[in-house]
Amino acid sequence: MKSAIYLILPRAQVADVLAQPFYIIPSIESEGFIHACSKLQLDYVVARFYKDKGPLALLKVDPDLITAEVKYEGATNNSELGLFPHIYGPLNTSAVVEVSDLKYQ
């Protein structure tokens, strides 16, 4: 398996998302892709986009199982974060290999 990629969701949505064959969100229509991140990028993403958003879940996704195209692209001016994984299309939920509570400060 290539390095896993991660999605962050409100914990309350996880069961509904995983009950569907595909995860489809508005960013596919508005931006063309689903935002994801690497393990290295998690702290940055949580601090920037999910601070005080309530209980969160972390979905670990195997990029080798994703049926949509995954592109690694720049998303910040911080070169230490590297390229972010973007999923260009609906995510087949069969690619989700682990779900855990996201612990953050």
PDB file of N, CA and C in Angstrom:
ATOM      1  N   MET A   1       0.852  -1.189   0.000  1.00  0.00           N
ATOM      2  CA  MET A   1       0.000   0.000   0.000  1.00  0.00           C
ATOM      3  C   MET A   1       0.884   1.234   0.000  1.00  0.00           C
ATOM      4  N   LYS A   2       0.554   2.190  -0.865  1.00  0.00           N
ATOM      5  CA  LYS A   2       1.171   3.514  -0.789  1.00  0.00           C
ATOM      6  C   LYS A   2       0.804   4.096   0.562  1.00  0.00           C
ATOM      7  N   SER A   3       1.414   5.196   0.922  1.00  0.00           N
ATOM      8  CA  SER A   3       1.074   5.837   2.193  1.00  0.00           C
ATOM      9  C   SER A   3      -0.415   6.159   2.234  1.00  0.00           C
ATOM     10  N   ALA A   4      -1.020   5.838   3.366  1.00  0.00           N
ATOM     11  CA  ALA A   4      -2.449   6.101   3.541  1.00  0.00           C
ATOM     12  C   ALA A   4      -2.731   7.592   3.432  1.00  0.00           C
ATOM     13  N   ILE A   5      -3.951   7.905   3.043  1.00  0.00           N
ATOM     14  CA  ILE A   5      -4.420   9.284   3.073  1.00  0.00           C
ATOM     15  C   ILE A   5      -5.605   9.337   4.028  1.00  0.00           C
ATOM     16  N   TYR A   6      -5.928  10.527   4.465  1.00  0.00           N
ATOM     17  CA  TYR A   6      -6.907  10.672   5.536  1.00  0.00           C
ATOM     18  C   TYR A   6      -7.983  11.700   5.189  1.00  0.00           C
ATOM     19  N   LEU A   7      -9.185  11.411   5.668  1.00  0.00           N
ATOM     20  CA  LEU A   7     -10.303  12.346   5.604  1.00  0.00           C
ATOM     21  C   LEU A   7     -10.766  12.595   7.030  1.00  0.00           C
ATOM     22  N   ILE A   8     -11.229  13.791   7.286  1.00  0.00           N
ATOM     23  CA  ILE A   8     -11.747  14.157   8.598  1.00  0.00           C
ATOM     24  C   ILE A   8     -13.232  14.464   8.437  1.00  0.00           C
ATOM     25  N   LEU A   9     -14.033  13.834   9.279  1.00  0.00           N
ATOM     26  CA  LEU A   9     -15.483  14.022   9.226  1.00  0.00           C
ATOM     27  C   LEU A   9     -16.026  14.217  10.632  1.00  0.00           C
ATOM     28  N   PRO A  10     -17.161  14.914  10.752  1.00  0.00           N
ATOM     29  CA  PRO A  10     -17.837  14.907  12.042  1.00  0.00           C
ATOM     30  C   PRO A  10     -18.180  13.452  12.395  1.00  0.00           C
ATOM     31  N   ARG A  11     -17.921  13.070  13.616  1.00  0.00           N
ATOM     32  CA  ARG A  11     -18.139  11.687  14.041  1.00  0.00           C
ATOM     33  C   ARG A  11     -19.578  11.233  13.750  1.00  0.00           C
ATOM     34  N   ALA A  12     -20.535  12.129  13.899  1.00  0.00           N
ATOM     35  CA  ALA A  12     -21.948  11.783  13.702  1.00  0.00           C
ATOM     36  C   ALA A  12     -22.274  11.395  12.259  1.00  0.00           C
ATOM     37  N   GLN A  13     -21.442  11.762  11.296  1.00  0.00           N
ATOM     38  CA  GLN A  13     -21.716  11.471   9.885  1.00  0.00           C
ATOM     39  C   GLN A  13     -21.107  10.155   9.395  1.00  0.00           C
ATOM     40  N   VAL A  14     -20.212   9.581  10.158  1.00  0.00           N
ATOM     41  CA  VAL A  14     -19.431   8.444   9.666  1.00  0.00           C
ATOM     42  C   VAL A  14     -20.295   7.250   9.275  1.00  0.00           C
ATOM     43  N   ALA A  15     -21.216   6.841  10.116  1.00  0.00           N
ATOM     44  CA  ALA A  15     -22.041   5.664   9.811  1.00  0.00           C
ATOM     45  C   ALA A  15     -22.825   5.864   8.518  1.00  0.00           C
ATOM     46  N   ASP A  16     -23.400   7.049   8.333  1.00  0.00           N
ATOM     47  CA  ASP A  16     -24.156   7.332   7.111  1.00  0.00           C
ATOM     48  C   ASP A  16     -23.254   7.318   5.882  1.00  0.00           C
ATOM     49  N   VAL A  17     -22.075   7.892   6.002  1.00  0.00           N
ATOM     50  CA  VAL A  17     -21.128   7.920   4.875  1.00  0.00           C
ATOM     51  C   VAL A  17     -20.725   6.503   4.494  1.00  0.00           C
ATOM     52  N   LEU A  18     -20.352   5.696   5.476  1.00  0.00           N
ATOM     53  CA  LEU A  18     -19.866   4.351   5.180  1.00  0.00           C
ATOM     54  C   LEU A  18     -20.978   3.400   4.731  1.00  0.00           C
ATOM     55  N   ALA A  19     -22.224   3.759   4.973  1.00  0.00           N
ATOM     56  CA  ALA A  19     -23.353   2.939   4.513  1.00  0.00           C
ATOM     57  C   ALA A  19     -23.603   3.098   3.013  1.00  0.00           C
ATOM     58  N   GLN A  20     -23.002   4.115   2.413  1.00  0.00           N
ATOM     59  CA  GLN A  20     -23.168   4.381   0.983  1.00  0.00           C
ATOM     60  C   GLN A  20     -21.984   3.799   0.208  1.00  0.00           C
ATOM     61  N   PRO A  21     -22.174   3.435  -1.063  1.00  0.00           N
ATOM     62  CA  PRO A  21     -21.043   2.924  -1.837  1.00  0.00           C
ATOM     63  C   PRO A  21     -20.010   4.004  -2.177  1.00  0.00           C
ATOM     64  N   PHE A  22     -20.462   5.266  -2.243  1.00  0.00           N
ATOM     65  CA  PHE A  22     -19.554   6.362  -2.585  1.00  0.00           C
ATOM     66  C   PHE A  22     -19.786   7.551  -1.663  1.00  0.00           C
ATOM     67  N   TYR A  23     -18.709   8.216  -1.327  1.00  0.00           N
ATOM     68  CA  TYR A  23     -18.744   9.459  -0.546  1.00  0.00           C
ATOM     69  C   TYR A  23     -18.674  10.599  -1.552  1.00  0.00           C
ATOM     70  N   ILE A  24     -19.746  11.393  -1.603  1.00  0.00           N
ATOM     71  CA  ILE A  24     -19.835  12.497  -2.550  1.00  0.00           C
ATOM     72  C   ILE A  24     -20.123  13.763  -1.760  1.00  0.00           C
ATOM     73  N   ILE A  25     -19.307  14.771  -1.944  1.00  0.00           N
ATOM     74  CA  ILE A  25     -19.499  16.026  -1.218  1.00  0.00           C
ATOM     75  C   ILE A  25     -19.486  17.199  -2.191  1.00  0.00           C
ATOM     76  N   PRO A  26     -19.997  18.349  -1.767  1.00  0.00           N
ATOM     77  CA  PRO A  26     -20.099  19.512  -2.663  1.00  0.00           C
ATOM     78  C   PRO A  26     -18.775  19.958  -3.285  1.00  0.00           C
ATOM     79  N   SER A  27     -17.635  19.718  -2.627  1.00  0.00           N
ATOM     80  CA  SER A  27     -16.371  20.182  -3.210  1.00  0.00           C
ATOM     81  C   SER A  27     -16.054  19.493  -4.538  1.00  0.00           C
ATOM     82  N   ILE A  28     -16.635  18.332  -4.792  1.00  0.00           N
ATOM     83  CA  ILE A  28     -16.424  17.675  -6.091  1.00  0.00           C
ATOM     84  C   ILE A  28     -16.997  18.564  -7.194  1.00  0.00           C
ATOM     85  N   GLU A  29     -18.166  19.116  -6.943  1.00  0.00           N
ATOM     86  CA  GLU A  29     -18.808  19.992  -7.927  1.00  0.00           C
ATOM     87  C   GLU A  29     -18.138  21.366  -7.980  1.00  0.00           C
ATOM     88  N   SER A  30     -17.838  21.942  -6.821  1.00  0.00           N
ATOM     89  CA  SER A  30     -17.310  23.310  -6.782  1.00  0.00           C
ATOM     90  C   SER A  30     -15.820  23.402  -7.101  1.00  0.00           C
ATOM     91  N   GLU A  31     -15.044  22.398  -6.679  1.00  0.00           N
ATOM     92  CA  GLU A  31     -13.594  22.461  -6.883  1.00  0.00           C
ATOM     93  C   GLU A  31     -13.058  21.324  -7.746  1.00  0.00           C
ATOM     94  N   GLY A  32     -13.881  20.301  -7.947  1.00  0.00           N
ATOM     95  CA  GLY A  32     -13.475  19.181  -8.783  1.00  0.00           C
ATOM     96  C   GLY A  32     -12.890  18.008  -8.020  1.00  0.00           C
ATOM     97  N   PHE A  33     -12.757  18.123  -6.691  1.00  0.00           N
ATOM     98  CA  PHE A  33     -12.134  17.043  -5.945  1.00  0.00           C
ATOM     99  C   PHE A  33     -12.539  17.068  -4.476  1.00  0.00           C
ATOM    100  N   ILE A  34     -12.205  15.970  -3.789  1.00  0.00           N
ATOM    101  CA  ILE A  34     -12.352  15.864  -2.344  1.00  0.00           C
ATOM    102  C   ILE A  34     -10.990  16.148  -1.723  1.00  0.00           C
ATOM    103  N   HIS A  35     -10.958  17.040  -0.756  1.00  0.00           N
ATOM    104  CA  HIS A  35      -9.720  17.342  -0.050  1.00  0.00           C
ATOM    105  C   HIS A  35      -9.383  16.187   0.895  1.00  0.00           C
ATOM    106  N   ALA A  36      -8.146  15.772   0.899  1.00  0.00           N
ATOM    107  CA  ALA A  36      -7.657  14.761   1.837  1.00  0.00           C
ATOM    108  C   ALA A  36      -6.292  15.234   2.327  1.00  0.00           C
ATOM    109  N   CYS A  37      -5.669  14.466   3.206  1.00  0.00           N
ATOM    110  CA  CYS A  37      -4.347  14.847   3.685  1.00  0.00           C
ATOM    111  C   CYS A  37      -3.534  13.615   4.048  1.00  0.00           C
ATOM    112  N   SER A  38      -2.247  13.818   4.203  1.00  0.00           N
ATOM    113  CA  SER A  38      -1.358  12.762   4.662  1.00  0.00           C
ATOM    114  C   SER A  38      -1.285  12.817   6.185  1.00  0.00           C
ATOM    115  N   LYS A  39      -0.669  11.827   6.782  1.00  0.00           N
ATOM    116  CA  LYS A  39      -0.506  11.812   8.235  1.00  0.00           C
ATOM    117  C   LYS A  39       0.294  13.035   8.693  1.00  0.00           C
ATOM    118  N   LEU A  40       1.310  13.410   7.944  1.00  0.00           N
ATOM    119  CA  LEU A  40       2.136  14.580   8.260  1.00  0.00           C
ATOM    120  C   LEU A  40       1.316  15.865   8.267  1.00  0.00           C
ATOM    121  N   GLN A  41       0.297  15.930   7.446  1.00  0.00           N
ATOM    122  CA  GLN A  41      -0.504  17.143   7.279  1.00  0.00           C
ATOM    123  C   GLN A  41      -1.678  17.251   8.250  1.00  0.00           C
ATOM    124  N   LEU A  42      -1.953  16.207   9.014  1.00  0.00           N
ATOM    125  CA  LEU A  42      -3.134  16.176   9.878  1.00  0.00           C
ATOM    126  C   LEU A  42      -3.207  17.334  10.863  1.00  0.00           C
ATOM    127  N   ASP A  43      -2.141  17.580  11.605  1.00  0.00           N
ATOM    128  CA  ASP A  43      -2.178  18.654  12.607  1.00  0.00           C
ATOM    129  C   ASP A  43      -2.479  20.003  11.962  1.00  0.00           C
ATOM    130  N   TYR A  44      -1.857  20.271  10.819  1.00  0.00           N
ATOM    131  CA  TYR A  44      -2.097  21.524  10.099  1.00  0.00           C
ATOM    132  C   TYR A  44      -3.567  21.638   9.689  1.00  0.00           C
ATOM    133  N   VAL A  45      -4.117  20.576   9.103  1.00  0.00           N
ATOM    134  CA  VAL A  45      -5.493  20.597   8.602  1.00  0.00           C
ATOM    135  C   VAL A  45      -6.478  20.765   9.757  1.00  0.00           C
ATOM    136  N   VAL A  46      -6.271  20.040  10.840  1.00  0.00           N
ATOM    137  CA  VAL A  46      -7.174  20.152  11.989  1.00  0.00           C
ATOM    138  C   VAL A  46      -7.131  21.567  12.551  1.00  0.00           C
ATOM    139  N   ALA A  47      -5.940  22.112  12.741  1.00  0.00           N
ATOM    140  CA  ALA A  47      -5.808  23.464  13.303  1.00  0.00           C
ATOM    141  C   ALA A  47      -6.426  24.517  12.394  1.00  0.00           C
ATOM    142  N   ARG A  48      -6.288  24.347  11.103  1.00  0.00           N
ATOM    143  CA  ARG A  48      -6.767  25.369  10.168  1.00  0.00           C
ATOM    144  C   ARG A  48      -8.267  25.277   9.874  1.00  0.00           C
ATOM    145  N   PHE A  49      -8.785  24.065   9.749  1.00  0.00           N
ATOM    146  CA  PHE A  49     -10.162  23.908   9.265  1.00  0.00           C
ATOM    147  C   PHE A  49     -11.144  23.290  10.267  1.00  0.00           C
ATOM    148  N   TYR A  50     -10.656  22.630  11.302  1.00  0.00           N
ATOM    149  CA  TYR A  50     -11.554  21.882  12.170  1.00  0.00           C
ATOM    150  C   TYR A  50     -11.488  22.277  13.640  1.00  0.00           C
ATOM    151  N   LYS A  51     -10.812  23.343  13.949  1.00  0.00           N
ATOM    152  CA  LYS A  51     -10.704  23.781  15.337  1.00  0.00           C
ATOM    153  C   LYS A  51     -12.108  24.071  15.871  1.00  0.00           C
ATOM    154  N   ASP A  52     -12.425  23.508  17.012  1.00  0.00           N
ATOM    155  CA  ASP A  52     -13.720  23.707  17.675  1.00  0.00           C
ATOM    156  C   ASP A  52     -14.912  23.236  16.835  1.00  0.00           C
ATOM    157  N   LYS A  53     -14.729  22.202  16.043  1.00  0.00           N
ATOM    158  CA  LYS A  53     -15.822  21.684  15.201  1.00  0.00           C
ATOM    159  C   LYS A  53     -16.529  20.489  15.845  1.00  0.00           C
ATOM    160  N   GLY A  54     -16.250  20.227  17.109  1.00  0.00           N
ATOM    161  CA  GLY A  54     -16.935  19.134  17.790  1.00  0.00           C
ATOM    162  C   GLY A  54     -16.251  17.806  17.584  1.00  0.00           C
ATOM    163  N   PRO A  55     -16.882  16.712  18.001  1.00  0.00           N
ATOM    164  CA  PRO A  55     -16.263  15.390  17.875  1.00  0.00           C
ATOM    165  C   PRO A  55     -16.007  15.036  16.407  1.00  0.00           C
ATOM    166  N   LEU A  56     -14.787  14.625  16.139  1.00  0.00           N
ATOM    167  CA  LEU A  56     -14.383  14.317  14.765  1.00  0.00           C
ATOM    168  C   LEU A  56     -13.904  12.874  14.657  1.00  0.00           C
ATOM    169  N   ALA A  57     -14.013  12.338  13.463  1.00  0.00           N
ATOM    170  CA  ALA A  57     -13.502  11.008  13.156  1.00  0.00           C
ATOM    171  C   ALA A  57     -12.448  11.130  12.062  1.00  0.00           C
ATOM    172  N   LEU A  58     -11.500  10.217  12.117  1.00  0.00           N
ATOM    173  CA  LEU A  58     -10.432  10.153  11.132  1.00  0.00           C
ATOM    174  C   LEU A  58     -10.635   8.893  10.306  1.00  0.00           C
ATOM    175  N   LEU A  59     -10.787   9.076   9.002  1.00  0.00           N
ATOM    176  CA  LEU A  59     -10.936   7.939   8.096  1.00  0.00           C
ATOM    177  C   LEU A  59      -9.615   7.705   7.385  1.00  0.00           C
ATOM    178  N   LYS A  60      -9.063   6.541   7.588  1.00  0.00           N
ATOM    179  CA  LYS A  60      -7.829   6.147   6.912  1.00  0.00           C
ATOM    180  C   LYS A  60      -8.224   5.458   5.609  1.00  0.00           C
ATOM    181  N   VAL A  61      -7.653   5.934   4.514  1.00  0.00           N
ATOM    182  CA  VAL A  61      -8.029   5.458   3.184  1.00  0.00           C
ATOM    183  C   VAL A  61      -6.800   4.878   2.487  1.00  0.00           C
ATOM    184  N   ASP A  62      -6.966   3.716   1.893  1.00  0.00           N
ATOM    185  CA  ASP A  62      -5.894   3.081   1.124  1.00  0.00           C
ATOM    186  C   ASP A  62      -5.944   3.638  -0.299  1.00  0.00           C
ATOM    187  N   PRO A  63      -4.953   4.435  -0.698  1.00  0.00           N
ATOM    188  CA  PRO A  63      -4.998   5.039  -2.044  1.00  0.00           C
ATOM    189  C   PRO A  63      -4.990   4.010  -3.182  1.00  0.00           C
ATOM    190  N   ASP A  64      -4.484   2.810  -2.908  1.00  0.00           N
ATOM    191  CA  ASP A  64      -4.475   1.771  -3.939  1.00  0.00           C
ATOM    192  C   ASP A  64      -5.882   1.233  -4.225  1.00  0.00           C
ATOM    193  N   LEU A  65      -6.812   1.459  -3.299  1.00  0.00           N
ATOM    194  CA  LEU A  65      -8.180   0.953  -3.473  1.00  0.00           C
ATOM    195  C   LEU A  65      -9.142   1.992  -4.035  1.00  0.00           C
ATOM    196  N   ILE A  66      -8.713   3.243  -4.120  1.00  0.00           N
ATOM    197  CA  ILE A  66      -9.586   4.319  -4.605  1.00  0.00           C
ATOM    198  C   ILE A  66      -9.790   4.178  -6.110  1.00  0.00           C
ATOM    199  N   THR A  67     -11.039   4.204  -6.531  1.00  0.00           N
ATOM    200  CA  THR A  67     -11.329   4.047  -7.962  1.00  0.00           C
ATOM    201  C   THR A  67     -11.226   5.368  -8.724  1.00  0.00           C
ATOM    202  N   ALA A  68     -11.393   6.496  -8.042  1.00  0.00           N
ATOM    203  CA  ALA A  68     -11.231   7.807  -8.682  1.00  0.00           C
ATOM    204  C   ALA A  68      -9.737   8.139  -8.775  1.00  0.00           C
ATOM    205  N   GLU A  69      -9.421   9.113  -9.589  1.00  0.00           N
ATOM    206  CA  GLU A  69      -8.029   9.544  -9.718  1.00  0.00           C
ATOM    207  C   GLU A  69      -7.611  10.339  -8.474  1.00  0.00           C
ATOM    208  N   VAL A  70      -6.407  10.054  -7.988  1.00  0.00           N
ATOM    209  CA  VAL A  70      -5.832  10.802  -6.870  1.00  0.00           C
ATOM    210  C   VAL A  70      -4.620  11.553  -7.404  1.00  0.00           C
ATOM    211  N   LYS A  71      -4.629  12.875  -7.181  1.00  0.00           N
ATOM    212  CA  LYS A  71      -3.498  13.713  -7.588  1.00  0.00           C
ATOM    213  C   LYS A  71      -2.917  14.359  -6.337  1.00  0.00           C
ATOM    214  N   TYR A  72      -1.609  14.454  -6.299  1.00  0.00           N
ATOM    215  CA  TYR A  72      -0.920  15.120  -5.187  1.00  0.00           C
ATOM    216  C   TYR A  72      -0.508  16.504  -5.672  1.00  0.00           C
ATOM    217  N   GLU A  73      -1.077  17.522  -4.999  1.00  0.00           N
ATOM    218  CA  GLU A  73      -0.923  18.893  -5.486  1.00  0.00           C
ATOM    219  C   GLU A  73      -0.607  19.845  -4.333  1.00  0.00           C
ATOM    220  N   GLY A  74       0.032  20.945  -4.679  1.00  0.00           N
ATOM    221  CA  GLY A  74       0.314  21.980  -3.695  1.00  0.00           C
ATOM    222  C   GLY A  74      -0.968  22.648  -3.248  1.00  0.00           C
ATOM    223  N   ALA A  75      -1.050  22.933  -1.949  1.00  0.00           N
ATOM    224  CA  ALA A  75      -2.238  23.588  -1.432  1.00  0.00           C
ATOM    225  C   ALA A  75      -1.885  24.708  -0.455  1.00  0.00           C
ATOM    226  N   THR A  76      -0.616  24.805  -0.094  1.00  0.00           N
ATOM    227  CA  THR A  76      -0.160  25.857   0.818  1.00  0.00           C
ATOM    228  C   THR A  76       1.191  26.368   0.338  1.00  0.00           C
ATOM    229  N   ASN A  77       1.635  27.434   0.959  1.00  0.00           N
ATOM    230  CA  ASN A  77       2.985  27.942   0.682  1.00  0.00           C
ATOM    231  C   ASN A  77       4.014  27.305   1.594  1.00  0.00           C
ATOM    232  N   ASN A  78       3.603  26.372   2.438  1.00  0.00           N
ATOM    233  CA  ASN A  78       4.495  25.705   3.386  1.00  0.00           C
ATOM    234  C   ASN A  78       5.044  24.436   2.739  1.00  0.00           C
ATOM    235  N   SER A  79       6.264  24.493   2.251  1.00  0.00           N
ATOM    236  CA  SER A  79       6.852  23.356   1.542  1.00  0.00           C
ATOM    237  C   SER A  79       7.091  22.163   2.470  1.00  0.00           C
ATOM    238  N   GLU A  80       7.176  22.393   3.774  1.00  0.00           N
ATOM    239  CA  GLU A  80       7.377  21.291   4.714  1.00  0.00           C
ATOM    240  C   GLU A  80       6.178  20.345   4.748  1.00  0.00           C
ATOM    241  N   LEU A  81       5.010  20.848   4.365  1.00  0.00           N
ATOM    242  CA  LEU A  81       3.807  20.014   4.371  1.00  0.00           C
ATOM    243  C   LEU A  81       3.722  19.108   3.151  1.00  0.00           C
ATOM    244  N   GLY A  82       4.468  19.404   2.121  1.00  0.00           N
ATOM    245  CA  GLY A  82       4.443  18.590   0.913  1.00  0.00           C
ATOM    246  C   GLY A  82       3.162  18.782   0.118  1.00  0.00           C
ATOM    247  N   LEU A  83       2.912  17.857  -0.782  1.00  0.00           N
ATOM    248  CA  LEU A  83       1.745  17.916  -1.651  1.00  0.00           C
ATOM    249  C   LEU A  83       0.559  17.225  -0.987  1.00  0.00           C
ATOM    250  N   PHE A  84      -0.627  17.792  -1.190  1.00  0.00           N
ATOM    251  CA  PHE A  84      -1.845  17.262  -0.596  1.00  0.00           C
ATOM    252  C   PHE A  84      -2.539  16.317  -1.565  1.00  0.00           C
ATOM    253  N   PRO A  85      -3.086  15.203  -1.060  1.00  0.00           N
ATOM    254  CA  PRO A  85      -3.848  14.301  -1.935  1.00  0.00           C
ATOM    255  C   PRO A  85      -5.249  14.856  -2.190  1.00  0.00           C
ATOM    256  N   HIS A  86      -5.601  14.918  -3.461  1.00  0.00           N
ATOM    257  CA  HIS A  86      -6.931  15.347  -3.881  1.00  0.00           C
ATOM    258  C   HIS A  86      -7.567  14.193  -4.652  1.00  0.00           C
ATOM    259  N   ILE A  87      -8.800  13.857  -4.280  1.00  0.00           N
ATOM    260  CA  ILE A  87      -9.506  12.746  -4.904  1.00  0.00           C
ATOM    261  C   ILE A  87     -10.477  13.328  -5.926  1.00  0.00           C
ATOM    262  N   TYR A  88     -10.196  13.081  -7.204  1.00  0.00           N
ATOM    263  CA  TYR A  88     -10.956  13.674  -8.299  1.00  0.00           C
ATOM    264  C   TYR A  88     -12.149  12.816  -8.680  1.00  0.00           C
ATOM    265  N   GLY A  89     -13.163  12.870  -7.846  1.00  0.00           N
ATOM    266  CA  GLY A  89     -14.393  12.137  -8.078  1.00  0.00           C
ATOM    267  C   GLY A  89     -14.894  11.559  -6.771  1.00  0.00           C
ATOM    268  N   PRO A  90     -16.034  10.885  -6.832  1.00  0.00           N
ATOM    269  CA  PRO A  90     -16.563  10.262  -5.622  1.00  0.00           C
ATOM    270  C   PRO A  90     -15.576   9.238  -5.061  1.00  0.00           C
ATOM    271  N   LEU A  91     -15.505   9.171  -3.747  1.00  0.00           N
ATOM    272  CA  LEU A  91     -14.641   8.196  -3.089  1.00  0.00           C
ATOM    273  C   LEU A  91     -15.441   6.934  -2.814  1.00  0.00           C
ATOM    274  N   ASN A  92     -14.998   5.826  -3.375  1.00  0.00           N
ATOM    275  CA  ASN A  92     -15.634   4.552  -3.049  1.00  0.00           C
ATOM    276  C   ASN A  92     -15.309   4.227  -1.591  1.00  0.00           C
ATOM    277  N   THR A  93     -16.348   4.049  -0.788  1.00  0.00           N
ATOM    278  CA  THR A  93     -16.134   3.854   0.645  1.00  0.00           C
ATOM    279  C   THR A  93     -15.457   2.520   0.959  1.00  0.00           C
ATOM    280  N   SER A  94     -15.380   1.635  -0.001  1.00  0.00           N
ATOM    281  CA  SER A  94     -14.648   0.376   0.203  1.00  0.00           C
ATOM    282  C   SER A  94     -13.144   0.626   0.364  1.00  0.00           C
ATOM    283  N   ALA A  95     -12.678   1.826   0.028  1.00  0.00           N
ATOM    284  CA  ALA A  95     -11.261   2.167   0.192  1.00  0.00           C
ATOM    285  C   ALA A  95     -10.934   2.623   1.616  1.00  0.00           C
ATOM    286  N   VAL A  96     -11.968   2.851   2.432  1.00  0.00           N
ATOM    287  CA  VAL A  96     -11.751   3.239   3.830  1.00  0.00           C
ATOM    288  C   VAL A  96     -11.369   1.984   4.601  1.00  0.00           C
ATOM    289  N   VAL A  97     -10.169   1.983   5.160  1.00  0.00           N
ATOM    290  CA  VAL A  97      -9.663   0.781   5.825  1.00  0.00           C
ATOM    291  C   VAL A  97      -9.680   0.876   7.350  1.00  0.00           C
ATOM    292  N   GLU A  98      -9.897   2.077   7.874  1.00  0.00           N
ATOM    293  CA  GLU A  98      -9.920   2.236   9.327  1.00  0.00           C
ATOM    294  C   GLU A  98     -10.628   3.534   9.692  1.00  0.00           C
ATOM    295  N   VAL A  99     -11.357   3.500  10.786  1.00  0.00           N
ATOM    296  CA  VAL A  99     -12.011   4.697  11.314  1.00  0.00           C
ATOM    297  C   VAL A  99     -11.648   4.798  12.790  1.00  0.00           C
ATOM    298  N   SER A 100     -11.235   5.990  13.204  1.00  0.00           N
ATOM    299  CA  SER A 100     -10.906   6.192  14.605  1.00  0.00           C
ATOM    300  C   SER A 100     -11.369   7.588  15.028  1.00  0.00           C
ATOM    301  N   ASP A 101     -11.484   7.772  16.336  1.00  0.00           N
ATOM    302  CA  ASP A 101     -11.775   9.109  16.860  1.00  0.00           C
ATOM    303  C   ASP A 101     -10.541   9.959  16.663  1.00  0.00           C
ATOM    304  N   LEU A 102     -10.743  11.188  16.248  1.00  0.00           N
ATOM    305  CA  LEU A 102      -9.620  12.099  16.056  1.00  0.00           C
ATOM    306  C   LEU A 102      -9.382  12.831  17.365  1.00  0.00           C
ATOM    307  N   LYS A 103      -8.225  12.624  17.908  1.00  0.00           N
ATOM    308  CA  LYS A 103      -7.845  13.294  19.149  1.00  0.00           C
ATOM    309  C   LYS A 103      -7.021  14.523  18.790  1.00  0.00           C
ATOM    310  N   TYR A 104      -7.395  15.645  19.320  1.00  0.00           N
ATOM    311  CA  TYR A 104      -6.661  16.871  19.028  1.00  0.00           C
ATOM    312  C   TYR A 104      -6.765  17.812  20.217  1.00  0.00           C
ATOM    313  N   GLN A 105      -5.855  18.754  20.247  1.00  0.00           N
ATOM    314  CA  GLN A 105      -5.804  19.723  21.358  1.00  0.00           C
ATOM    315  C   GLN A 105      -6.635  20.924  21.018  1.00  0.00           C
TER     316      GLN A 105
END
